[in-house]
Amino acid sequence: LVPAFTAGSIAGEREKQTLDILLTTVLTPEKIVMGKLLSSVSMVLLLVVSSLPVISIVFTIGGVGMEDLVQFMLAILVISFFIGSMGMLASTVLKKTVPAMVCSMVEVMLVCVGTVIIIGVTYIIAKLYYYNYMGAVGNMPDVSGACLVLLVNPVFTVIQMTMEQCESVSAISKLAEILNGSVPVFIEDNWFKISMVSQVVITIILLKMSAFFLKPIKNIHIQ
């Protein structure tokens, strides 16, 4: 829902020809972008908060602690703003709502699916190098470092969080084994925290870029 809400926020103002009026107010482009993002994400946040009583029923069954619930809510909050910032960037760069919505969907797909493709391509290249250049002698090259691109993948973050809460095998360690290596213990133990911080940093960068593209271009007259 978030890309659909955010993609039309600024582009819709352009289509209604009200963006110029909005830019003449005392609001800075940063405040406009942040306000549009909050108004777009507010519906998702409202749905999350309203679902808390239902989610809390699991405490009567057991197996889920307050820390797990807070972690789940934090993940939804950060991921919502992360995906929303992609939609805001598309909305400020493109002038129409439909292209902006398509672009925001493509951005989300690149983050969620593109990172997995990068790992797959890296693994294939490592195998080709091992069989063609190393003659299948020795150990295959360690390409487990490619797993770090998944820090910005919201889907993998949720999978890793769920598997840790279920006390099953860590998804990142299992993937690193397939890539003939291992992830540093510190990163594996704090994967959720590092992933959240990484997504927050990218969110801030995307919002800064959105504000930059929203700033009106001043005409410079040379006398």
Protein backbone atom coordinates (compact mmCIF):
# COMPACT_ATOMS: atom_id res chain seq x y z
CA LEU A 1 0.00 0.00 0.00
CA VAL A 2 2.80 2.44 0.83
CA PRO A 3 4.17 2.92 -2.72
CA ALA A 4 0.66 3.57 -4.01
CA PHE A 5 0.04 6.21 -1.34
CA THR A 6 3.36 8.03 -1.61
CA ALA A 7 3.82 7.93 -5.40
CA GLY A 8 0.90 10.27 -6.01
CA SER A 9 1.61 12.73 -3.22
CA ILE A 10 3.82 15.23 -5.08
CA ALA A 11 2.94 14.09 -8.60
CA GLY A 12 -0.73 14.60 -7.77
CA GLU A 13 0.00 18.19 -6.72
CA ARG A 14 1.67 18.77 -10.09
CA GLU A 15 -1.28 17.31 -11.97
CA LYS A 16 -3.71 19.55 -10.04
CA GLN A 17 -1.34 22.50 -10.64
CA THR A 18 -1.19 23.28 -6.93
CA LEU A 19 2.49 22.47 -6.38
CA ASP A 20 3.65 25.98 -7.29
CA ILE A 21 1.25 27.45 -4.75
CA LEU A 22 2.51 25.00 -2.14
CA LEU A 23 6.10 26.00 -2.82
CA THR A 24 5.30 29.68 -2.27
CA THR A 25 4.33 29.02 1.35
CA VAL A 26 6.70 29.26 4.29
CA LEU A 27 7.15 25.49 4.21
CA THR A 28 10.57 24.33 3.06
CA PRO A 29 10.86 21.46 0.53
CA GLU A 30 12.12 19.23 3.37
CA LYS A 31 9.00 19.92 5.44
CA ILE A 32 6.73 19.38 2.43
CA VAL A 33 8.34 16.03 1.64
CA MET A 34 8.23 14.90 5.26
CA GLY A 35 4.62 16.01 5.66
CA LYS A 36 3.54 14.20 2.51
CA LEU A 37 5.38 11.07 3.64
CA LEU A 38 3.78 11.11 7.10
CA SER A 39 0.31 11.64 5.65
CA SER A 40 0.83 8.75 3.23
CA VAL A 41 2.27 6.34 5.79
CA SER A 42 -0.22 7.34 8.50
CA MET A 43 -2.86 4.97 7.12
CA VAL A 44 -0.47 2.02 7.36
CA LEU A 45 0.59 3.06 10.86
CA LEU A 46 -3.06 3.35 11.86
CA LEU A 47 -3.71 -0.18 10.66
CA VAL A 48 -0.68 -1.44 12.59
CA VAL A 49 -1.65 0.29 15.83
CA SER A 50 -5.29 -0.78 15.56
CA SER A 51 -4.16 -4.41 15.15
CA LEU A 52 -2.25 -4.41 18.44
CA PRO A 53 -5.20 -5.72 20.53
CA VAL A 54 -5.61 -8.66 18.15
CA ILE A 55 -1.87 -9.36 18.04
CA SER A 56 -1.72 -9.22 21.86
CA ILE A 57 -3.94 -12.31 22.02
CA VAL A 58 -0.81 -14.39 21.41
CA PHE A 59 0.34 -13.56 24.95
CA THR A 60 -2.48 -15.77 26.28
CA ILE A 61 -1.03 -18.69 24.33
CA GLY A 62 2.63 -18.07 25.14
CA GLY A 63 5.79 -18.41 23.10
CA VAL A 64 5.92 -14.73 22.12
CA GLY A 65 7.43 -12.11 24.39
CA MET A 66 7.05 -8.36 24.54
CA GLU A 67 10.49 -7.96 22.93
CA ASP A 68 9.35 -9.97 19.90
CA LEU A 69 6.23 -7.83 19.54
CA VAL A 70 8.19 -4.57 19.79
CA GLN A 71 10.70 -5.88 17.26
CA PHE A 72 7.87 -6.73 14.88
CA MET A 73 6.28 -3.28 15.25
CA LEU A 74 9.64 -1.55 14.76
CA ALA A 75 10.26 -3.53 11.58
CA ILE A 76 6.91 -2.49 10.12
CA LEU A 77 7.52 1.14 11.05
CA VAL A 78 11.01 1.36 9.56
CA ILE A 79 10.13 -0.63 6.44
CA SER A 80 7.07 1.58 5.85
CA PHE A 81 9.18 4.74 5.88
CA PHE A 82 11.91 3.02 3.84
CA ILE A 83 9.51 2.01 1.07
CA GLY A 84 7.66 5.31 1.38
CA SER A 85 10.85 7.27 0.74
CA MET A 86 11.24 5.39 -2.56
CA GLY A 87 7.75 6.47 -3.56
CA MET A 88 8.48 10.07 -2.55
CA LEU A 89 11.59 10.15 -4.74
CA ALA A 90 9.64 8.81 -7.72
CA SER A 91 6.85 11.30 -7.04
CA THR A 92 9.21 14.29 -7.02
CA VAL A 93 11.22 13.24 -10.08
CA LEU A 94 8.31 12.23 -12.30
CA LYS A 95 5.44 14.57 -13.16
CA LYS A 96 2.59 12.07 -13.50
CA THR A 97 1.02 9.85 -10.85
CA VAL A 98 0.88 6.62 -12.87
CA PRO A 99 4.55 6.66 -13.97
CA ALA A 100 5.55 7.59 -10.43
CA MET A 101 3.59 4.66 -9.03
CA VAL A 102 5.13 2.25 -11.55
CA CYS A 103 8.61 3.60 -10.80
CA SER A 104 8.11 3.20 -7.04
CA MET A 105 6.97 -0.40 -7.54
CA VAL A 106 10.06 -1.06 -9.66
CA GLU A 107 12.27 0.43 -6.94
CA VAL A 108 10.74 -1.89 -4.35
CA MET A 109 11.22 -4.88 -6.65
CA LEU A 110 14.85 -3.93 -7.22
CA VAL A 111 15.48 -3.83 -3.48
CA CYS A 112 13.58 -7.01 -2.65
CA VAL A 113 14.39 -9.13 -5.71
CA GLY A 114 17.44 -7.37 -7.15
CA THR A 115 19.55 -8.02 -4.07
CA VAL A 116 18.76 -11.74 -4.31
CA ILE A 117 19.70 -11.70 -8.00
CA ILE A 118 23.04 -10.07 -7.12
CA ILE A 119 23.83 -12.92 -4.75
CA GLY A 120 22.79 -15.51 -7.33
CA VAL A 121 24.94 -13.94 -10.04
CA THR A 122 27.88 -13.71 -7.64
CA TYR A 123 27.54 -17.41 -6.80
CA ILE A 124 27.37 -18.40 -10.49
CA ILE A 125 30.47 -16.35 -11.30
CA ALA A 126 32.32 -17.98 -8.40
CA LYS A 127 31.40 -21.46 -9.67
CA LEU A 128 32.48 -20.62 -13.22
CA TYR A 129 35.80 -19.29 -11.93
CA TYR A 130 36.29 -22.39 -9.78
CA TYR A 131 35.68 -24.91 -12.58
CA ASN A 132 37.16 -23.00 -15.53
CA TYR A 133 40.17 -21.25 -14.03
CA MET A 134 40.97 -23.21 -10.87
CA GLY A 135 40.33 -26.59 -12.49
CA ALA A 136 38.04 -27.65 -9.64
CA VAL A 137 41.10 -27.87 -7.38
CA GLY A 138 40.97 -26.65 -3.80
CA ASN A 139 38.10 -24.81 -2.19
CA MET A 140 35.59 -22.70 -4.03
CA PRO A 141 36.00 -18.93 -3.62
CA ASP A 142 34.32 -17.45 -0.58
CA VAL A 143 31.66 -15.02 -1.79
CA SER A 144 29.67 -14.86 1.44
CA GLY A 145 30.36 -11.13 1.58
CA ALA A 146 27.63 -10.70 -1.01
CA CYS A 147 25.12 -11.51 1.74
CA LEU A 148 25.59 -8.02 3.15
CA VAL A 149 23.46 -6.53 0.36
CA LEU A 150 20.50 -8.22 2.06
CA LEU A 151 20.77 -5.71 4.90
CA VAL A 152 18.61 -3.39 2.79
CA ASN A 153 16.16 -6.13 1.80
CA PRO A 154 12.99 -5.76 3.92
CA VAL A 155 11.74 -9.24 3.04
CA PHE A 156 14.93 -10.95 4.18
CA THR A 157 14.98 -8.81 7.33
CA VAL A 158 11.53 -10.10 8.28
CA ILE A 159 12.56 -13.70 7.46
CA GLN A 160 15.71 -13.43 9.58
CA MET A 161 13.76 -11.83 12.44
CA THR A 162 11.10 -14.55 12.35
CA MET A 163 13.65 -17.39 12.31
CA GLU A 164 15.52 -15.86 15.25
CA GLN A 165 12.29 -15.54 17.23
CA CYS A 166 11.43 -19.17 16.43
CA GLU A 167 14.95 -20.19 17.55
CA SER A 168 15.51 -22.10 14.34
CA VAL A 169 18.52 -22.04 12.02
CA SER A 170 19.65 -18.52 11.13
CA ALA A 171 18.76 -17.68 7.53
CA ILE A 172 21.87 -15.58 7.00
CA SER A 173 24.24 -18.26 8.33
CA LYS A 174 22.60 -20.89 6.14
CA LEU A 175 22.93 -18.65 3.09
CA ALA A 176 26.57 -17.89 3.93
CA GLU A 177 27.32 -21.63 4.06
CA ILE A 178 25.91 -22.02 0.55
CA LEU A 179 28.26 -19.24 -0.55
CA ASN A 180 31.22 -21.14 0.94
CA GLY A 181 31.84 -18.81 3.84
CA SER A 182 30.37 -17.23 6.92
CA VAL A 183 29.14 -13.87 8.07
CA PRO A 184 30.99 -12.18 10.97
CA VAL A 185 29.48 -13.14 14.30
CA PHE A 186 28.78 -9.53 15.26
CA ILE A 187 26.79 -8.91 12.07
CA GLU A 188 24.88 -12.18 12.38
CA ASP A 189 23.97 -11.58 16.03
CA ASN A 190 22.90 -7.98 15.36
CA TRP A 191 21.49 -8.45 11.86
CA PHE A 192 18.12 -6.93 12.70
CA LYS A 193 19.61 -3.83 14.33
CA ILE A 194 22.13 -3.25 11.53
CA SER A 195 19.43 -3.78 8.90
CA MET A 196 17.13 -1.26 10.58
CA VAL A 197 19.92 1.31 10.83
CA SER A 198 20.89 0.75 7.18
CA GLN A 199 17.33 1.25 6.00
CA VAL A 200 16.92 4.38 8.14
CA VAL A 201 20.10 5.87 6.63
CA ILE A 202 18.92 5.13 3.08
CA THR A 203 15.51 6.59 3.95
CA ILE A 204 17.13 9.86 5.05
CA ILE A 205 19.23 9.99 1.87
CA LEU A 206 16.20 9.38 -0.37
CA LEU A 207 14.18 12.06 1.45
CA LYS A 208 17.05 14.53 1.05
CA MET A 209 17.15 13.74 -2.66
CA SER A 210 13.37 14.20 -2.89
CA ALA A 211 13.63 17.61 -1.24
CA PHE A 212 16.44 18.55 -3.62
CA PHE A 213 14.40 17.69 -6.71
CA LEU A 214 11.41 19.53 -5.27
CA LYS A 215 13.25 22.84 -4.88
CA PRO A 216 12.18 25.33 -7.54
CA ILE A 217 14.86 26.28 -10.05
CA LYS A 218 15.67 29.97 -9.77
CA ASN A 219 16.25 31.87 -12.96
CA ILE A 220 19.56 33.71 -13.05
CA HIS A 221 19.55 36.86 -15.15
CA ILE A 222 22.93 38.06 -16.36
CA GLN A 223 23.08 41.79 -16.72
